[in-house]
């Protein structure tokens, strides 16, 4: 499995698969999307369009582990057209295509490196997978139970909780398990009360966020933090933690409270005449 450090910073692949949000990787993501949108716009009316932006997109997808034949199938493009786009026609001693039809370009550019399209053994950032499993453990599902449902050995399951990357196959399996169990009560599915309490206490001591702290659109983003109270990160979040007895207060709430106090102190130093003005 590729390690996080093995992928170069400043690439869309590093941004997408490793979850890196450094400036060079964010810039690469922005450039990738800008170029893709520009390339899509080429296909509005011309009988043929420049093949190079499309070829660059295809090669980028191949870096994600999407083979060119699989990409052709996903886009509904003949393999012959894909082969000529990338490699030309060697039997006729022809170079790679300089132009392609807009319909072919649009079909290829519509394919993105989504989880559904990536190969099952491609290594991706483990943030969302780790958070989903931690949330299920916090809900009272023992590790051994989750490992069994995933078809894993307990030792392999423990590795998933600590690895910076996991395979796409593992991501998909954990997402299915999370969707199946996040609303279920473990005690109604064979987990005894003692194991349930022990598991909940274990996850709580480690500070693992429960299911309700994550939204579906943020759980996979390494830059996001859990929302324990529904007000986390705001000036009201700190008090909400104490009112709901979710202690200690999370870092975003402590930071927001400190910032709010600083603002109040600064406001208190403003002369009354300036306030009247």
Protein backbone atom coordinates (compact mmCIF):
# COMPACT_ATOMS: atom_id res chain seq x y z
CA UNK A 1 0.00 0.00 0.00
CA UNK A 2 1.33 3.40 -0.92
CA UNK A 3 2.19 5.59 2.05
CA UNK A 4 1.13 9.18 2.43
CA UNK A 5 4.71 10.42 2.02
CA UNK A 6 5.15 8.60 -1.28
CA UNK A 7 2.89 10.97 -3.20
CA UNK A 8 4.27 14.35 -4.17
CA UNK A 9 2.67 17.51 -2.81
CA UNK A 10 1.18 19.95 -5.28
CA UNK A 11 -0.84 17.35 -7.19
CA UNK A 12 -4.55 16.66 -7.46
CA UNK A 13 -3.87 13.01 -6.63
CA UNK A 14 -2.31 14.02 -3.28
CA UNK A 15 -5.30 16.28 -2.56
CA UNK A 16 -7.89 13.65 -3.46
CA UNK A 17 -6.43 10.38 -2.21
CA UNK A 18 -4.33 11.47 0.77
CA UNK A 19 -6.69 14.22 1.93
CA UNK A 20 -3.82 16.71 1.99
CA UNK A 21 -5.02 20.31 2.34
CA UNK A 22 -1.69 22.13 2.13
CA UNK A 23 -1.57 25.17 -0.15
CA UNK A 24 0.21 23.45 -3.10
CA UNK A 25 -2.29 20.57 -3.08
CA UNK A 26 -5.31 22.90 -2.78
CA UNK A 27 -3.91 24.94 -5.66
CA UNK A 28 -3.46 21.77 -7.73
CA UNK A 29 -7.09 20.85 -7.03
CA UNK A 30 -8.22 24.32 -8.13
CA UNK A 31 -6.13 24.14 -11.31
CA UNK A 32 -7.42 20.66 -12.09
CA UNK A 33 -11.04 21.77 -11.81
CA UNK A 34 -10.42 24.97 -13.77
CA UNK A 35 -8.74 23.10 -16.60
CA UNK A 36 -11.47 20.49 -16.62
CA UNK A 37 -14.21 23.10 -16.84
CA UNK A 38 -12.33 24.88 -19.62
CA UNK A 39 -11.90 21.61 -21.48
CA UNK A 40 -15.60 20.81 -21.15
CA UNK A 41 -16.45 24.23 -22.57
CA UNK A 42 -14.48 23.36 -25.72
CA UNK A 43 -17.15 20.90 -26.72
CA UNK A 44 -20.05 23.33 -27.11
CA UNK A 45 -20.24 23.46 -30.89
CA UNK A 46 -17.04 22.58 -32.79
CA UNK A 47 -17.01 19.45 -35.01
CA UNK A 48 -13.62 18.60 -33.44
CA UNK A 49 -11.90 19.84 -30.30
CA UNK A 50 -8.34 19.91 -29.02
CA UNK A 51 -7.47 16.46 -27.67
CA UNK A 52 -4.68 17.55 -25.33
CA UNK A 53 -6.82 18.75 -22.37
CA UNK A 54 -8.86 15.55 -22.61
CA UNK A 55 -5.71 13.44 -22.80
CA UNK A 56 -4.36 15.21 -19.72
CA UNK A 57 -7.61 14.45 -17.89
CA UNK A 58 -7.44 10.80 -18.89
CA UNK A 59 -3.84 10.52 -17.70
CA UNK A 60 -4.79 12.15 -14.43
CA UNK A 61 -7.54 9.55 -13.94
CA UNK A 62 -5.04 6.80 -14.71
CA UNK A 63 -2.91 8.07 -11.82
CA UNK A 64 -5.89 7.30 -9.61
CA UNK A 65 -5.72 3.66 -10.66
CA UNK A 66 -8.48 3.87 -13.27
CA UNK A 67 -7.13 1.91 -16.23
CA UNK A 68 -7.77 3.31 -19.69
CA UNK A 69 -9.95 0.35 -20.69
CA UNK A 70 -12.07 0.73 -17.56
CA UNK A 71 -12.26 4.46 -18.22
CA UNK A 72 -13.47 3.77 -21.75
CA UNK A 73 -16.22 1.54 -20.33
CA UNK A 74 -17.22 4.15 -17.73
CA UNK A 75 -17.44 6.85 -20.41
CA UNK A 76 -19.08 4.66 -23.03
CA UNK A 77 -16.23 5.38 -25.44
CA UNK A 78 -14.83 2.72 -27.84
CA UNK A 79 -11.48 1.33 -26.71
CA UNK A 80 -10.10 2.08 -30.15
CA UNK A 81 -10.76 5.80 -29.72
CA UNK A 82 -9.15 5.70 -26.27
CA UNK A 83 -6.09 3.89 -27.57
CA UNK A 84 -5.62 6.41 -30.37
CA UNK A 85 -6.07 9.30 -27.94
CA UNK A 86 -3.29 7.99 -25.70
CA UNK A 87 -0.97 6.05 -27.95
CA UNK A 88 -1.89 6.75 -31.55
CA UNK A 89 -2.11 4.01 -34.16
CA UNK A 90 1.20 2.17 -34.20
CA UNK A 91 0.25 -0.05 -37.15
CA UNK A 92 -0.22 3.05 -39.28
CA UNK A 93 2.64 4.89 -37.61
CA UNK A 94 0.22 7.59 -36.42
CA UNK A 95 0.83 9.83 -33.40
CA UNK A 96 -1.76 10.26 -30.62
CA UNK A 97 -4.89 12.11 -31.73
CA UNK A 98 -4.62 15.89 -31.99
CA UNK A 99 -8.38 16.33 -32.18
CA UNK A 100 -11.40 14.33 -31.07
CA UNK A 101 -15.14 14.71 -31.39
CA UNK A 102 -16.89 16.86 -28.76
CA UNK A 103 -19.15 13.99 -27.73
CA UNK A 104 -16.14 11.80 -26.96
CA UNK A 105 -14.43 14.64 -25.11
CA UNK A 106 -17.52 15.38 -23.01
CA UNK A 107 -17.97 11.71 -22.11
CA UNK A 108 -14.38 11.33 -20.93
CA UNK A 109 -14.33 14.64 -19.08
CA UNK A 110 -17.51 13.66 -17.25
CA UNK A 111 -15.66 10.82 -15.50
CA UNK A 112 -14.21 11.91 -12.16
CA UNK A 113 -12.02 10.07 -9.65
CA UNK A 114 -14.95 9.31 -7.37
CA UNK A 115 -14.99 6.42 -4.93
CA UNK A 116 -17.31 4.51 -7.26
CA UNK A 117 -14.85 4.75 -10.15
CA UNK A 118 -11.57 4.06 -8.37
CA UNK A 119 -10.03 0.60 -8.44
CA UNK A 120 -10.68 -1.49 -5.32
CA UNK A 121 -7.00 -1.75 -4.35
CA UNK A 122 -6.17 1.96 -4.72
CA UNK A 123 -4.93 3.48 -1.45
CA UNK A 124 -6.89 6.51 -0.24
CA UNK A 125 -7.03 8.71 2.85
CA UNK A 126 -8.44 6.81 5.83
CA UNK A 127 -10.02 9.76 7.67
CA UNK A 128 -13.65 8.99 6.89
CA UNK A 129 -13.20 5.26 7.43
CA UNK A 130 -11.56 5.81 10.80
CA UNK A 131 -14.24 8.28 11.92
CA UNK A 132 -17.08 5.94 10.96
CA UNK A 133 -15.59 3.03 12.87
CA UNK A 134 -14.84 5.20 15.91
CA UNK A 135 -18.43 6.46 15.90
CA UNK A 136 -19.80 2.91 15.80
CA UNK A 137 -17.53 1.90 18.69
CA UNK A 138 -18.70 4.97 20.60
CA UNK A 139 -22.26 3.74 19.97
CA UNK A 140 -21.41 0.49 21.78
CA UNK A 141 -20.35 -1.83 18.95
CA UNK A 142 -17.32 -3.87 20.18
CA UNK A 143 -14.34 -4.03 17.85
CA UNK A 144 -14.63 -7.82 17.57
CA UNK A 145 -18.23 -7.50 16.36
CA UNK A 146 -17.34 -4.90 13.75
CA UNK A 147 -14.33 -6.92 12.58
CA UNK A 148 -16.51 -9.99 12.14
CA UNK A 149 -19.10 -8.07 10.14
CA UNK A 150 -16.34 -6.73 7.90
CA UNK A 151 -14.79 -10.15 7.44
CA UNK A 152 -11.58 -9.03 9.14
CA UNK A 153 -9.34 -10.46 11.82
CA UNK A 154 -9.26 -8.35 15.01
CA UNK A 155 -5.61 -7.50 14.35
CA UNK A 156 -6.40 -6.23 10.84
CA UNK A 157 -9.32 -4.23 12.19
CA UNK A 158 -7.02 -2.54 14.69
CA UNK A 159 -4.71 -1.52 11.86
CA UNK A 160 -7.58 0.17 10.02
CA UNK A 161 -8.11 2.42 13.04
CA UNK A 162 -4.52 3.68 12.91
CA UNK A 163 -3.44 3.61 9.26
CA UNK A 164 -3.19 6.90 7.36
CA UNK A 165 -4.50 5.13 4.26
CA UNK A 166 -6.77 2.20 3.43
CA UNK A 167 -7.85 0.57 0.19
CA UNK A 168 -10.98 1.65 -1.66
CA UNK A 169 -12.38 -1.83 -0.97
CA UNK A 170 -12.11 -1.19 2.77
CA UNK A 171 -13.65 2.28 2.46
CA UNK A 172 -16.67 0.87 0.63
CA UNK A 173 -17.12 -1.96 3.13
CA UNK A 174 -16.98 0.40 6.12
CA UNK A 175 -19.42 2.83 4.50
CA UNK A 176 -21.91 0.00 3.96
CA UNK A 177 -21.49 -1.17 7.55
CA UNK A 178 -21.89 2.37 8.90
CA UNK A 179 -25.09 2.90 6.90
CA UNK A 180 -26.40 -0.40 8.28
CA UNK A 181 -25.55 0.12 11.96
CA UNK A 182 -25.45 3.82 12.77
CA UNK A 183 -29.06 3.86 14.01
CA UNK A 184 -29.05 0.33 15.47
CA UNK A 185 -28.80 -0.52 19.17
CA UNK A 186 -25.97 -3.06 19.66
CA UNK A 187 -27.84 -4.60 22.61
CA UNK A 188 -30.59 -5.64 20.22
CA UNK A 189 -28.05 -7.42 18.01
CA UNK A 190 -26.27 -9.76 20.40
CA UNK A 191 -24.06 -7.36 22.40
CA UNK A 192 -24.54 -7.86 26.14
CA UNK A 193 -24.87 -4.92 28.51
CA UNK A 194 -21.40 -5.37 30.00
CA UNK A 195 -19.66 -5.37 26.61
CA UNK A 196 -21.79 -2.44 25.50
CA UNK A 197 -20.88 -0.29 28.53
CA UNK A 198 -17.22 -1.24 28.35
CA UNK A 199 -17.07 -0.29 24.66
CA UNK A 200 -18.84 3.04 25.13
CA UNK A 201 -16.59 3.98 28.05
CA UNK A 202 -13.48 2.99 26.09
CA UNK A 203 -14.40 5.21 23.12
CA UNK A 204 -15.46 8.06 25.39
CA UNK A 205 -12.12 8.11 27.21
CA UNK A 206 -10.33 8.31 23.86
CA UNK A 207 -12.51 11.27 22.85
CA UNK A 208 -13.98 9.56 19.81
CA UNK A 209 -16.93 11.46 18.36
CA UNK A 210 -20.37 9.82 18.22
CA UNK A 211 -22.44 9.31 15.09
CA UNK A 212 -24.43 12.50 15.63
CA UNK A 213 -21.30 14.67 15.59
CA UNK A 214 -20.70 14.10 11.87
CA UNK A 215 -22.54 15.14 8.73
CA UNK A 216 -22.37 12.97 5.64
CA UNK A 217 -20.73 15.79 3.67
CA UNK A 218 -17.98 16.47 6.23
CA UNK A 219 -17.04 13.13 7.77
CA UNK A 220 -14.50 12.35 5.03
CA UNK A 221 -12.85 15.78 5.03
CA UNK A 222 -9.64 15.80 7.12
CA UNK A 223 -10.01 19.56 7.62
CA UNK A 224 -13.34 19.27 9.48
CA UNK A 225 -13.95 18.67 13.17
CA UNK A 226 -16.92 17.00 14.89
CA UNK A 227 -19.90 19.08 15.96
CA UNK A 228 -20.73 17.64 19.37
CA UNK A 229 -23.51 20.05 20.34
CA UNK A 230 -24.92 21.49 17.13
CA UNK A 231 -23.25 24.79 18.08
CA UNK A 232 -19.59 23.79 18.12
CA UNK A 233 -17.20 26.42 16.87
CA UNK A 234 -19.53 29.29 17.83
CA UNK A 235 -19.57 31.53 20.88
CA UNK A 236 -22.51 29.51 22.26
CA UNK A 237 -20.79 26.15 21.83
CA UNK A 238 -18.84 26.23 25.08
CA UNK A 239 -21.96 26.73 27.21
CA UNK A 240 -23.79 24.10 25.16
CA UNK A 241 -21.15 21.55 26.11
CA UNK A 242 -21.80 22.15 29.80
CA UNK A 243 -25.57 22.27 29.44
CA UNK A 244 -25.53 18.97 27.53
CA UNK A 245 -22.82 17.52 29.81
CA UNK A 246 -20.53 16.75 26.87
CA UNK A 247 -17.24 17.38 28.64
CA UNK A 248 -14.61 18.54 28.22
CA UNK A 249 -15.58 21.17 25.67
CA UNK A 250 -14.05 20.59 22.24
CA UNK A 251 -11.15 22.64 20.93
CA UNK A 252 -13.23 24.71 18.42
CA UNK A 253 -15.60 25.72 21.24
CA UNK A 254 -12.74 26.64 23.56
CA UNK A 255 -11.14 28.69 20.78
CA UNK A 256 -14.44 30.40 19.92
CA UNK A 257 -15.02 31.25 23.59
CA UNK A 258 -11.52 32.71 23.92
CA UNK A 259 -11.98 34.76 20.74
CA UNK A 260 -15.35 36.03 21.98
CA UNK A 261 -13.80 37.12 25.29
CA UNK A 262 -10.99 38.91 23.48
CA UNK A 263 -13.53 40.78 21.36
CA UNK A 264 -15.46 41.80 24.48
CA UNK A 265 -12.30 43.04 26.16
CA UNK A 266 -11.35 45.07 23.10
CA UNK A 267 -14.86 46.52 22.93
CA UNK A 268 -14.60 47.47 26.58
CA UNK A 269 -11.52 49.57 25.87
CA UNK A 270 -13.31 51.76 23.30
CA UNK A 271 -13.98 55.28 24.73
CA UNK A 272 -17.63 56.15 25.31
CA UNK A 273 -17.37 59.18 22.98
CA UNK A 274 -16.21 56.87 20.20
CA UNK A 275 -19.17 54.56 20.86
CA UNK A 276 -21.55 57.55 20.65
CA UNK A 277 -20.04 58.57 17.35
